[in-house]
Amino acid sequence: MEEFNYAQIGDNIRKMRKKRKYTQEYLAEQVGVNTSHISNIENHHTNVSLPTLVRICNVLDTTVDYMLCHEYSTPDSSIDRFILTELQHCPIDTKERILKIIQILK
């Protein structure tokens, strides 16, 4: 069995953390680990454990499957769930505009 691409997972964590405008210090505090541990995960110096990944995903309001989406041969389902997660935080008028854009793009 192949190993996970932990470098990609670390990159995904960094991207999501920055998207949320969280510092490594904030994320580490919320997850209950040292800031250096978050840095080591994001910089590919250590592999993230499953329990830590779950806690990171909870803080970043994302899913483990989204963080692992590059590990799947068909990442569509994780992308769909991520889009739905992002939409949950939008007001109804924004959702209606997004729907119109999607209908145009199809």
PDB file of N, CA and C in Angstrom:
ATOM      1  N   MET A   1       0.841  -1.184   0.000  1.00  0.00           N
ATOM      2  CA  MET A   1       0.000   0.000   0.000  1.00  0.00           C
ATOM      3  C   MET A   1       0.886   1.246   0.000  1.00  0.00           C
ATOM      4  N   GLU A   2       0.502   2.229  -0.793  1.00  0.00           N
ATOM      5  CA  GLU A   2       1.259   3.469  -0.887  1.00  0.00           C
ATOM      6  C   GLU A   2       1.057   4.338   0.344  1.00  0.00           C
ATOM      7  N   GLU A   3       2.068   5.138   0.643  1.00  0.00           N
ATOM      8  CA  GLU A   3       1.971   6.115   1.719  1.00  0.00           C
ATOM      9  C   GLU A   3       1.182   7.324   1.225  1.00  0.00           C
ATOM     10  N   PHE A   4       0.575   8.023   2.162  1.00  0.00           N
ATOM     11  CA  PHE A   4      -0.081   9.286   1.815  1.00  0.00           C
ATOM     12  C   PHE A   4       0.966  10.300   1.391  1.00  0.00           C
ATOM     13  N   ASN A   5       0.561  11.238   0.597  1.00  0.00           N
ATOM     14  CA  ASN A   5       1.437  12.335   0.208  1.00  0.00           C
ATOM     15  C   ASN A   5       1.340  13.406   1.299  1.00  0.00           C
ATOM     16  N   TYR A   6       2.140  13.236   2.337  1.00  0.00           N
ATOM     17  CA  TYR A   6       2.072  14.136   3.481  1.00  0.00           C
ATOM     18  C   TYR A   6       2.490  15.555   3.124  1.00  0.00           C
ATOM     19  N   ALA A   7       3.343  15.696   2.122  1.00  0.00           N
ATOM     20  CA  ALA A   7       3.727  17.042   1.681  1.00  0.00           C
ATOM     21  C   ALA A   7       2.507  17.782   1.138  1.00  0.00           C
ATOM     22  N   GLN A   8       1.693  17.086   0.350  1.00  0.00           N
ATOM     23  CA  GLN A   8       0.478  17.697  -0.197  1.00  0.00           C
ATOM     24  C   GLN A   8      -0.510  18.026   0.911  1.00  0.00           C
ATOM     25  N   ILE A   9      -0.615  17.140   1.887  1.00  0.00           N
ATOM     26  CA  ILE A   9      -1.511  17.395   3.014  1.00  0.00           C
ATOM     27  C   ILE A   9      -1.049  18.642   3.763  1.00  0.00           C
ATOM     28  N   GLY A  10       0.252  18.749   3.998  1.00  0.00           N
ATOM     29  CA  GLY A  10       0.797  19.943   4.658  1.00  0.00           C
ATOM     30  C   GLY A  10       0.518  21.203   3.864  1.00  0.00           C
ATOM     31  N   ASP A  11       0.656  21.107   2.541  1.00  0.00           N
ATOM     32  CA  ASP A  11       0.357  22.258   1.679  1.00  0.00           C
ATOM     33  C   ASP A  11      -1.123  22.631   1.762  1.00  0.00           C
ATOM     34  N   ASN A  12      -1.991  21.621   1.790  1.00  0.00           N
ATOM     35  CA  ASN A  12      -3.430  21.885   1.890  1.00  0.00           C
ATOM     36  C   ASN A  12      -3.773  22.556   3.216  1.00  0.00           C
ATOM     37  N   ILE A  13      -3.128  22.116   4.280  1.00  0.00           N
ATOM     38  CA  ILE A  13      -3.355  22.735   5.595  1.00  0.00           C
ATOM     39  C   ILE A  13      -2.932  24.202   5.548  1.00  0.00           C
ATOM     40  N   ARG A  14      -1.754  24.469   5.000  1.00  0.00           N
ATOM     41  CA  ARG A  14      -1.259  25.850   4.911  1.00  0.00           C
ATOM     42  C   ARG A  14      -2.214  26.727   4.104  1.00  0.00           C
ATOM     43  N   LYS A  15      -2.651  26.215   2.944  1.00  0.00           N
ATOM     44  CA  LYS A  15      -3.561  26.994   2.086  1.00  0.00           C
ATOM     45  C   LYS A  15      -4.859  27.325   2.811  1.00  0.00           C
ATOM     46  N   MET A  16      -5.428  26.325   3.480  1.00  0.00           N
ATOM     47  CA  MET A  16      -6.693  26.546   4.175  1.00  0.00           C
ATOM     48  C   MET A  16      -6.493  27.482   5.371  1.00  0.00           C
ATOM     49  N   ARG A  17      -5.389  27.316   6.076  1.00  0.00           N
ATOM     50  CA  ARG A  17      -5.107  28.196   7.229  1.00  0.00           C
ATOM     51  C   ARG A  17      -4.993  29.643   6.758  1.00  0.00           C
ATOM     52  N   LYS A  18      -4.273  29.858   5.675  1.00  0.00           N
ATOM     53  CA  LYS A  18      -4.103  31.223   5.165  1.00  0.00           C
ATOM     54  C   LYS A  18      -5.416  31.774   4.626  1.00  0.00           C
ATOM     55  N   LYS A  19      -6.220  30.912   4.003  1.00  0.00           N
ATOM     56  CA  LYS A  19      -7.523  31.352   3.508  1.00  0.00           C
ATOM     57  C   LYS A  19      -8.384  31.848   4.662  1.00  0.00           C
ATOM     58  N   ARG A  20      -8.296  31.172   5.794  1.00  0.00           N
ATOM     59  CA  ARG A  20      -9.059  31.560   6.983  1.00  0.00           C
ATOM     60  C   ARG A  20      -8.393  32.717   7.731  1.00  0.00           C
ATOM     61  N   LYS A  21      -7.204  33.121   7.251  1.00  0.00           N
ATOM     62  CA  LYS A  21      -6.435  34.215   7.865  1.00  0.00           C
ATOM     63  C   LYS A  21      -6.025  33.882   9.306  1.00  0.00           C
ATOM     64  N   TYR A  22      -5.710  32.606   9.523  1.00  0.00           N
ATOM     65  CA  TYR A  22      -5.239  32.152  10.827  1.00  0.00           C
ATOM     66  C   TYR A  22      -3.720  32.088  10.806  1.00  0.00           C
ATOM     67  N   THR A  23      -3.118  32.435  11.910  1.00  0.00           N
ATOM     68  CA  THR A  23      -1.677  32.256  12.052  1.00  0.00           C
ATOM     69  C   THR A  23      -1.397  30.817  12.478  1.00  0.00           C
ATOM     70  N   GLN A  24      -0.162  30.411  12.321  1.00  0.00           N
ATOM     71  CA  GLN A  24       0.225  29.090  12.817  1.00  0.00           C
ATOM     72  C   GLN A  24       0.027  29.028  14.331  1.00  0.00           C
ATOM     73  N   GLU A  25       0.295  30.130  15.001  1.00  0.00           N
ATOM     74  CA  GLU A  25       0.140  30.177  16.457  1.00  0.00           C
ATOM     75  C   GLU A  25      -1.316  29.953  16.858  1.00  0.00           C
ATOM     76  N   TYR A  26      -2.219  30.620  16.153  1.00  0.00           N
ATOM     77  CA  TYR A  26      -3.640  30.471  16.460  1.00  0.00           C
ATOM     78  C   TYR A  26      -4.091  29.036  16.217  1.00  0.00           C
ATOM     79  N   LEU A  27      -3.722  28.493  15.063  1.00  0.00           N
ATOM     80  CA  LEU A  27      -4.127  27.125  14.736  1.00  0.00           C
ATOM     81  C   LEU A  27      -3.575  26.144  15.763  1.00  0.00           C
ATOM     82  N   ALA A  28      -2.310  26.304  16.105  1.00  0.00           N
ATOM     83  CA  ALA A  28      -1.690  25.412  17.088  1.00  0.00           C
ATOM     84  C   ALA A  28      -2.414  25.475  18.428  1.00  0.00           C
ATOM     85  N   GLU A  29      -2.738  26.679  18.866  1.00  0.00           N
ATOM     86  CA  GLU A  29      -3.438  26.854  20.140  1.00  0.00           C
ATOM     87  C   GLU A  29      -4.799  26.159  20.112  1.00  0.00           C
ATOM     88  N   GLN A  30      -5.534  26.335  19.013  1.00  0.00           N
ATOM     89  CA  GLN A  30      -6.858  25.737  18.901  1.00  0.00           C
ATOM     90  C   GLN A  30      -6.806  24.207  18.812  1.00  0.00           C
ATOM     91  N   VAL A  31      -5.749  23.698  18.185  1.00  0.00           N
ATOM     92  CA  VAL A  31      -5.605  22.254  17.994  1.00  0.00           C
ATOM     93  C   VAL A  31      -5.016  21.588  19.237  1.00  0.00           C
ATOM     94  N   GLY A  32      -4.262  22.370  20.020  1.00  0.00           N
ATOM     95  CA  GLY A  32      -3.644  21.822  21.218  1.00  0.00           C
ATOM     96  C   GLY A  32      -2.261  21.241  20.977  1.00  0.00           C
ATOM     97  N   VAL A  33      -1.533  21.842  20.037  1.00  0.00           N
ATOM     98  CA  VAL A  33      -0.160  21.420  19.746  1.00  0.00           C
ATOM     99  C   VAL A  33       0.734  22.650  19.761  1.00  0.00           C
ATOM    100  N   ASN A  34       2.042  22.429  19.670  1.00  0.00           N
ATOM    101  CA  ASN A  34       2.996  23.534  19.593  1.00  0.00           C
ATOM    102  C   ASN A  34       2.954  24.173  18.208  1.00  0.00           C
ATOM    103  N   THR A  35       3.263  25.446  18.154  1.00  0.00           N
ATOM    104  CA  THR A  35       3.343  26.149  16.872  1.00  0.00           C
ATOM    105  C   THR A  35       4.365  25.478  15.964  1.00  0.00           C
ATOM    106  N   SER A  36       5.458  25.012  16.541  1.00  0.00           N
ATOM    107  CA  SER A  36       6.491  24.359  15.731  1.00  0.00           C
ATOM    108  C   SER A  36       5.963  23.087  15.077  1.00  0.00           C
ATOM    109  N   HIS A  37       5.013  22.420  15.713  1.00  0.00           N
ATOM    110  CA  HIS A  37       4.444  21.214  15.112  1.00  0.00           C
ATOM    111  C   HIS A  37       3.645  21.563  13.855  1.00  0.00           C
ATOM    112  N   ILE A  38       2.846  22.619  13.925  1.00  0.00           N
ATOM    113  CA  ILE A  38       2.102  23.075  12.739  1.00  0.00           C
ATOM    114  C   ILE A  38       3.084  23.452  11.636  1.00  0.00           C
ATOM    115  N   SER A  39       4.124  24.186  11.994  1.00  0.00           N
ATOM    116  CA  SER A  39       5.142  24.583  11.022  1.00  0.00           C
ATOM    117  C   SER A  39       5.799  23.363  10.393  1.00  0.00           C
ATOM    118  N   ASN A  40       6.136  22.380  11.204  1.00  0.00           N
ATOM    119  CA  ASN A  40       6.773  21.166  10.685  1.00  0.00           C
ATOM    120  C   ASN A  40       5.858  20.388   9.754  1.00  0.00           C
ATOM    121  N   ILE A  41       4.570  20.371  10.051  1.00  0.00           N
ATOM    122  CA  ILE A  41       3.604  19.700   9.161  1.00  0.00           C
ATOM    123  C   ILE A  41       3.527  20.443   7.835  1.00  0.00           C
ATOM    124  N   GLU A  42       3.378  21.763   7.903  1.00  0.00           N
ATOM    125  CA  GLU A  42       3.228  22.561   6.681  1.00  0.00           C
ATOM    126  C   GLU A  42       4.499  22.568   5.841  1.00  0.00           C
ATOM    127  N   ASN A  43       5.650  22.424   6.479  1.00  0.00           N
ATOM    128  CA  ASN A  43       6.928  22.472   5.759  1.00  0.00           C
ATOM    129  C   ASN A  43       7.501  21.096   5.473  1.00  0.00           C
ATOM    130  N   HIS A  44       6.673  20.066   5.659  1.00  0.00           N
ATOM    131  CA  HIS A  44       7.008  18.696   5.274  1.00  0.00           C
ATOM    132  C   HIS A  44       8.143  18.094   6.095  1.00  0.00           C
ATOM    133  N   HIS A  45       8.317  18.542   7.333  1.00  0.00           N
ATOM    134  CA  HIS A  45       9.354  17.982   8.203  1.00  0.00           C
ATOM    135  C   HIS A  45       8.814  16.853   9.065  1.00  0.00           C
ATOM    136  N   THR A  46       7.502  16.787   9.201  1.00  0.00           N
ATOM    137  CA  THR A  46       6.870  15.716   9.976  1.00  0.00           C
ATOM    138  C   THR A  46       5.526  15.378   9.354  1.00  0.00           C
ATOM    139  N   ASN A  47       5.083  14.161   9.556  1.00  0.00           N
ATOM    140  CA  ASN A  47       3.780  13.729   9.046  1.00  0.00           C
ATOM    141  C   ASN A  47       2.718  13.989  10.100  1.00  0.00           C
ATOM    142  N   VAL A  48       1.592  14.475   9.675  1.00  0.00           N
ATOM    143  CA  VAL A  48       0.487  14.749  10.588  1.00  0.00           C
ATOM    144  C   VAL A  48      -0.185  13.432  10.960  1.00  0.00           C
ATOM    145  N   SER A  49      -0.507  13.268  12.232  1.00  0.00           N
ATOM    146  CA  SER A  49      -1.240  12.083  12.665  1.00  0.00           C
ATOM    147  C   SER A  49      -2.718  12.278  12.352  1.00  0.00           C
ATOM    148  N   LEU A  50      -3.447  11.185  12.290  1.00  0.00           N
ATOM    149  CA  LEU A  50      -4.880  11.273  11.997  1.00  0.00           C
ATOM    150  C   LEU A  50      -5.635  12.081  13.052  1.00  0.00           C
ATOM    151  N   PRO A  51      -5.412  11.851  14.361  1.00  0.00           N
ATOM    152  CA  PRO A  51      -6.137  12.665  15.345  1.00  0.00           C
ATOM    153  C   PRO A  51      -5.837  14.162  15.216  1.00  0.00           C
ATOM    154  N   THR A  52      -4.582  14.496  14.947  1.00  0.00           N
ATOM    155  CA  THR A  52      -4.231  15.914  14.780  1.00  0.00           C
ATOM    156  C   THR A  52      -4.860  16.478  13.514  1.00  0.00           C
ATOM    157  N   LEU A  53      -4.867  15.692  12.443  1.00  0.00           N
ATOM    158  CA  LEU A  53      -5.489  16.145  11.197  1.00  0.00           C
ATOM    159  C   LEU A  53      -6.977  16.416  11.401  1.00  0.00           C
ATOM    160  N   VAL A  54      -7.645  15.554  12.134  1.00  0.00           N
ATOM    161  CA  VAL A  54      -9.070  15.757  12.401  1.00  0.00           C
ATOM    162  C   VAL A  54      -9.284  17.044  13.185  1.00  0.00           C
ATOM    163  N   ARG A  55      -8.461  17.289  14.201  1.00  0.00           N
ATOM    164  CA  ARG A  55      -8.600  18.522  14.985  1.00  0.00           C
ATOM    165  C   ARG A  55      -8.310  19.755  14.122  1.00  0.00           C
ATOM    166  N   ILE A  56      -7.289  19.671  13.275  1.00  0.00           N
ATOM    167  CA  ILE A  56      -6.965  20.779  12.369  1.00  0.00           C
ATOM    168  C   ILE A  56      -8.157  21.058  11.447  1.00  0.00           C
ATOM    169  N   CYS A  57      -8.724  20.016  10.879  1.00  0.00           N
ATOM    170  CA  CYS A  57      -9.869  20.185   9.974  1.00  0.00           C
ATOM    171  C   CYS A  57     -11.059  20.810  10.694  1.00  0.00           C
ATOM    172  N   ASN A  58     -11.291  20.416  11.939  1.00  0.00           N
ATOM    173  CA  ASN A  58     -12.389  21.002  12.704  1.00  0.00           C
ATOM    174  C   ASN A  58     -12.165  22.498  12.917  1.00  0.00           C
ATOM    175  N   VAL A  59     -10.947  22.885  13.251  1.00  0.00           N
ATOM    176  CA  VAL A  59     -10.641  24.302  13.466  1.00  0.00           C
ATOM    177  C   VAL A  59     -10.760  25.073  12.153  1.00  0.00           C
ATOM    178  N   LEU A  60     -10.288  24.471  11.059  1.00  0.00           N
ATOM    179  CA  LEU A  60     -10.318  25.144   9.756  1.00  0.00           C
ATOM    180  C   LEU A  60     -11.677  25.031   9.066  1.00  0.00           C
ATOM    181  N   ASP A  61     -12.634  24.363   9.723  1.00  0.00           N
ATOM    182  CA  ASP A  61     -13.981  24.204   9.179  1.00  0.00           C
ATOM    183  C   ASP A  61     -13.945  23.565   7.793  1.00  0.00           C
ATOM    184  N   THR A  62     -13.193  22.479   7.706  1.00  0.00           N
ATOM    185  CA  THR A  62     -13.114  21.717   6.464  1.00  0.00           C
ATOM    186  C   THR A  62     -13.170  20.243   6.815  1.00  0.00           C
ATOM    187  N   THR A  63     -13.051  19.401   5.820  1.00  0.00           N
ATOM    188  CA  THR A  63     -13.152  17.972   6.049  1.00  0.00           C
ATOM    189  C   THR A  63     -11.815  17.286   5.791  1.00  0.00           C
ATOM    190  N   VAL A  64     -11.651  16.137   6.416  1.00  0.00           N
ATOM    191  CA  VAL A  64     -10.438  15.352   6.200  1.00  0.00           C
ATOM    192  C   VAL A  64     -10.353  14.926   4.742  1.00  0.00           C
ATOM    193  N   ASP A  65     -11.471  14.557   4.151  1.00  0.00           N
ATOM    194  CA  ASP A  65     -11.415  14.124   2.752  1.00  0.00           C
ATOM    195  C   ASP A  65     -10.992  15.259   1.828  1.00  0.00           C
ATOM    196  N   TYR A  66     -11.323  16.498   2.176  1.00  0.00           N
ATOM    197  CA  TYR A  66     -10.834  17.610   1.361  1.00  0.00           C
ATOM    198  C   TYR A  66      -9.315  17.709   1.476  1.00  0.00           C
ATOM    199  N   MET A  67      -8.795  17.564   2.684  1.00  0.00           N
ATOM    200  CA  MET A  67      -7.340  17.631   2.879  1.00  0.00           C
ATOM    201  C   MET A  67      -6.638  16.483   2.157  1.00  0.00           C
ATOM    202  N   LEU A  68      -7.332  15.362   2.015  1.00  0.00           N
ATOM    203  CA  LEU A  68      -6.750  14.188   1.365  1.00  0.00           C
ATOM    204  C   LEU A  68      -7.181  14.053  -0.090  1.00  0.00           C
ATOM    205  N   CYS A  69      -7.847  15.054  -0.650  1.00  0.00           N
ATOM    206  CA  CYS A  69      -8.465  14.903  -1.968  1.00  0.00           C
ATOM    207  C   CYS A  69      -7.472  14.498  -3.046  1.00  0.00           C
ATOM    208  N   HIS A  70      -6.219  14.850  -2.899  1.00  0.00           N
ATOM    209  CA  HIS A  70      -5.229  14.464  -3.901  1.00  0.00           C
ATOM    210  C   HIS A  70      -4.820  13.002  -3.747  1.00  0.00           C
ATOM    211  N   GLU A  71      -5.285  12.358  -2.685  1.00  0.00           N
ATOM    212  CA  GLU A  71      -4.999  10.944  -2.465  1.00  0.00           C
ATOM    213  C   GLU A  71      -6.002  10.057  -3.186  1.00  0.00           C
ATOM    214  N   TYR A  72      -7.109  10.629  -3.626  1.00  0.00           N
ATOM    215  CA  TYR A  72      -8.143   9.860  -4.305  1.00  0.00           C
ATOM    216  C   TYR A  72      -7.920   9.913  -5.807  1.00  0.00           C
ATOM    217  N   SER A  73      -8.345   8.862  -6.480  1.00  0.00           N
ATOM    218  CA  SER A  73      -8.255   8.891  -7.936  1.00  0.00           C
ATOM    219  C   SER A  73      -9.336   9.790  -8.531  1.00  0.00           C
ATOM    220  N   THR A  74     -10.448   9.951  -7.812  1.00  0.00           N
ATOM    221  CA  THR A  74     -11.509  10.864  -8.244  1.00  0.00           C
ATOM    222  C   THR A  74     -11.892  11.765  -7.079  1.00  0.00           C
ATOM    223  N   PRO A  75     -11.308  12.944  -7.006  1.00  0.00           N
ATOM    224  CA  PRO A  75     -11.560  13.833  -5.866  1.00  0.00           C
ATOM    225  C   PRO A  75     -12.866  14.603  -5.934  1.00  0.00           C
ATOM    226  N   ASP A  76     -13.709  14.312  -6.918  1.00  0.00           N
ATOM    227  CA  ASP A  76     -14.933  15.090  -7.119  1.00  0.00           C
ATOM    228  C   ASP A  76     -15.802  15.168  -5.869  1.00  0.00           C
ATOM    229  N   SER A  77     -16.000  14.048  -5.173  1.00  0.00           N
ATOM    230  CA  SER A  77     -16.908  14.067  -4.028  1.00  0.00           C
ATOM    231  C   SER A  77     -16.388  14.975  -2.915  1.00  0.00           C
ATOM    232  N   SER A  78     -15.088  15.003  -2.702  1.00  0.00           N
ATOM    233  CA  SER A  78     -14.562  15.876  -1.660  1.00  0.00           C
ATOM    234  C   SER A  78     -14.681  17.340  -2.066  1.00  0.00           C
ATOM    235  N   ILE A  79     -14.511  17.625  -3.329  1.00  0.00           N
ATOM    236  CA  ILE A  79     -14.666  19.007  -3.806  1.00  0.00           C
ATOM    237  C   ILE A  79     -16.124  19.443  -3.673  1.00  0.00           C
ATOM    238  N   ASP A  80     -17.041  18.545  -4.016  1.00  0.00           N
ATOM    239  CA  ASP A  80     -18.465  18.857  -3.865  1.00  0.00           C
ATOM    240  C   ASP A  80     -18.789  19.199  -2.413  1.00  0.00           C
ATOM    241  N   ARG A  81     -18.296  18.387  -1.485  1.00  0.00           N
ATOM    242  CA  ARG A  81     -18.561  18.634  -0.065  1.00  0.00           C
ATOM    243  C   ARG A  81     -17.918  19.938   0.393  1.00  0.00           C
ATOM    244  N   PHE A  82     -16.731  20.236  -0.130  1.00  0.00           N
ATOM    245  CA  PHE A  82     -16.070  21.481   0.253  1.00  0.00           C
ATOM    246  C   PHE A  82     -16.878  22.682  -0.234  1.00  0.00           C
ATOM    247  N   ILE A  83     -17.380  22.605  -1.455  1.00  0.00           N
ATOM    248  CA  ILE A  83     -18.212  23.692  -1.984  1.00  0.00           C
ATOM    249  C   ILE A  83     -19.448  23.881  -1.111  1.00  0.00           C
ATOM    250  N   LEU A  84     -20.080  22.784  -0.740  1.00  0.00           N
ATOM    251  CA  LEU A  84     -21.263  22.872   0.125  1.00  0.00           C
ATOM    252  C   LEU A  84     -20.920  23.483   1.481  1.00  0.00           C
ATOM    253  N   THR A  85     -19.778  23.115   2.025  1.00  0.00           N
ATOM    254  CA  THR A  85     -19.343  23.675   3.308  1.00  0.00           C
ATOM    255  C   THR A  85     -19.153  25.184   3.189  1.00  0.00           C
ATOM    256  N   GLU A  86     -18.532  25.616   2.106  1.00  0.00           N
ATOM    257  CA  GLU A  86     -18.313  27.047   1.906  1.00  0.00           C
ATOM    258  C   GLU A  86     -19.635  27.787   1.732  1.00  0.00           C
ATOM    259  N   LEU A  87     -20.578  27.187   1.041  1.00  0.00           N
ATOM    260  CA  LEU A  87     -21.869  27.825   0.801  1.00  0.00           C
ATOM    261  C   LEU A  87     -22.698  27.989   2.062  1.00  0.00           C
ATOM    262  N   GLN A  88     -22.495  27.119   3.038  1.00  0.00           N
ATOM    263  CA  GLN A  88     -23.260  27.200   4.284  1.00  0.00           C
ATOM    264  C   GLN A  88     -23.097  28.557   4.965  1.00  0.00           C
ATOM    265  N   HIS A  89     -21.975  29.194   4.749  1.00  0.00           N
ATOM    266  CA  HIS A  89     -21.675  30.453   5.426  1.00  0.00           C
ATOM    267  C   HIS A  89     -22.117  31.681   4.627  1.00  0.00           C
ATOM    268  N   CYS A  90     -22.718  31.460   3.480  1.00  0.00           N
ATOM    269  CA  CYS A  90     -23.130  32.574   2.622  1.00  0.00           C
ATOM    270  C   CYS A  90     -24.589  32.949   2.883  1.00  0.00           C
ATOM    271  N   PRO A  91     -24.895  34.234   2.781  1.00  0.00           N
ATOM    272  CA  PRO A  91     -26.302  34.637   2.861  1.00  0.00           C
ATOM    273  C   PRO A  91     -27.047  34.158   1.619  1.00  0.00           C
ATOM    274  N   ILE A  92     -28.361  34.096   1.710  1.00  0.00           N
ATOM    275  CA  ILE A  92     -29.189  33.540   0.647  1.00  0.00           C
ATOM    276  C   ILE A  92     -29.026  34.290  -0.675  1.00  0.00           C
ATOM    277  N   ASP A  93     -28.877  35.600  -0.641  1.00  0.00           N
ATOM    278  CA  ASP A  93     -28.733  36.337  -1.902  1.00  0.00           C
ATOM    279  C   ASP A  93     -27.415  35.976  -2.596  1.00  0.00           C
ATOM    280  N   THR A  94     -26.376  35.729  -1.828  1.00  0.00           N
ATOM    281  CA  THR A  94     -25.103  35.301  -2.414  1.00  0.00           C
ATOM    282  C   THR A  94     -25.247  33.912  -3.009  1.00  0.00           C
ATOM    283  N   LYS A  95     -25.950  33.032  -2.321  1.00  0.00           N
ATOM    284  CA  LYS A  95     -26.177  31.681  -2.845  1.00  0.00           C
ATOM    285  C   LYS A  95     -26.938  31.734  -4.166  1.00  0.00           C
ATOM    286  N   GLU A  96     -27.916  32.616  -4.255  1.00  0.00           N
ATOM    287  CA  GLU A  96     -28.694  32.742  -5.494  1.00  0.00           C
ATOM    288  C   GLU A  96     -27.815  33.232  -6.644  1.00  0.00           C
ATOM    289  N   ARG A  97     -26.921  34.185  -6.366  1.00  0.00           N
ATOM    290  CA  ARG A  97     -25.995  34.671  -7.405  1.00  0.00           C
ATOM    291  C   ARG A  97     -25.035  33.561  -7.834  1.00  0.00           C
ATOM    292  N   ILE A  98     -24.542  32.803  -6.877  1.00  0.00           N
ATOM    293  CA  ILE A  98     -23.636  31.699  -7.194  1.00  0.00           C
ATOM    294  C   ILE A  98     -24.340  30.662  -8.050  1.00  0.00           C
ATOM    295  N   LEU A  99     -25.589  30.349  -7.731  1.00  0.00           N
ATOM    296  CA  LEU A  99     -26.361  29.401  -8.527  1.00  0.00           C
ATOM    297  C   LEU A  99     -26.487  29.881  -9.973  1.00  0.00           C
ATOM    298  N   LYS A 100     -26.792  31.152 -10.165  1.00  0.00           N
ATOM    299  CA  LYS A 100     -26.915  31.699 -11.514  1.00  0.00           C
ATOM    300  C   LYS A 100     -25.589  31.567 -12.275  1.00  0.00           C
ATOM    301  N   ILE A 101     -24.478  31.816 -11.587  1.00  0.00           N
ATOM    302  CA  ILE A 101     -23.153  31.692 -12.224  1.00  0.00           C
ATOM    303  C   ILE A 101     -22.898  30.240 -12.632  1.00  0.00           C
ATOM    304  N   ILE A 102     -23.222  29.316 -11.748  1.00  0.00           N
ATOM    305  CA  ILE A 102     -23.031  27.892 -12.056  1.00  0.00           C
ATOM    306  C   ILE A 102     -23.870  27.496 -13.252  1.00  0.00           C
ATOM    307  N   GLN A 103     -25.106  27.957 -13.292  1.00  0.00           N
ATOM    308  CA  GLN A 103     -25.986  27.611 -14.420  1.00  0.00           C
ATOM    309  C   GLN A 103     -25.438  28.171 -15.732  1.00  0.00           C
ATOM    310  N   ILE A 104     -24.839  29.334 -15.697  1.00  0.00           N
ATOM    311  CA  ILE A 104     -24.251  29.925 -16.888  1.00  0.00           C
ATOM    312  C   ILE A 104     -23.022  29.127 -17.327  1.00  0.00           C
ATOM    313  N   LEU A 105     -22.207  28.715 -16.351  1.00  0.00           N
ATOM    314  CA  LEU A 105     -20.971  28.002 -16.666  1.00  0.00           C
ATOM    315  C   LEU A 105     -21.201  26.583 -17.200  1.00  0.00           C
ATOM    316  N   LYS A 106     -22.345  25.985 -16.835  1.00  0.00           N
ATOM    317  CA  LYS A 106     -22.630  24.621 -17.325  1.00  0.00           C
ATOM    318  C   LYS A 106     -22.918  24.686 -18.796  1.00  0.00           C
TER     319      LYS A 106
END
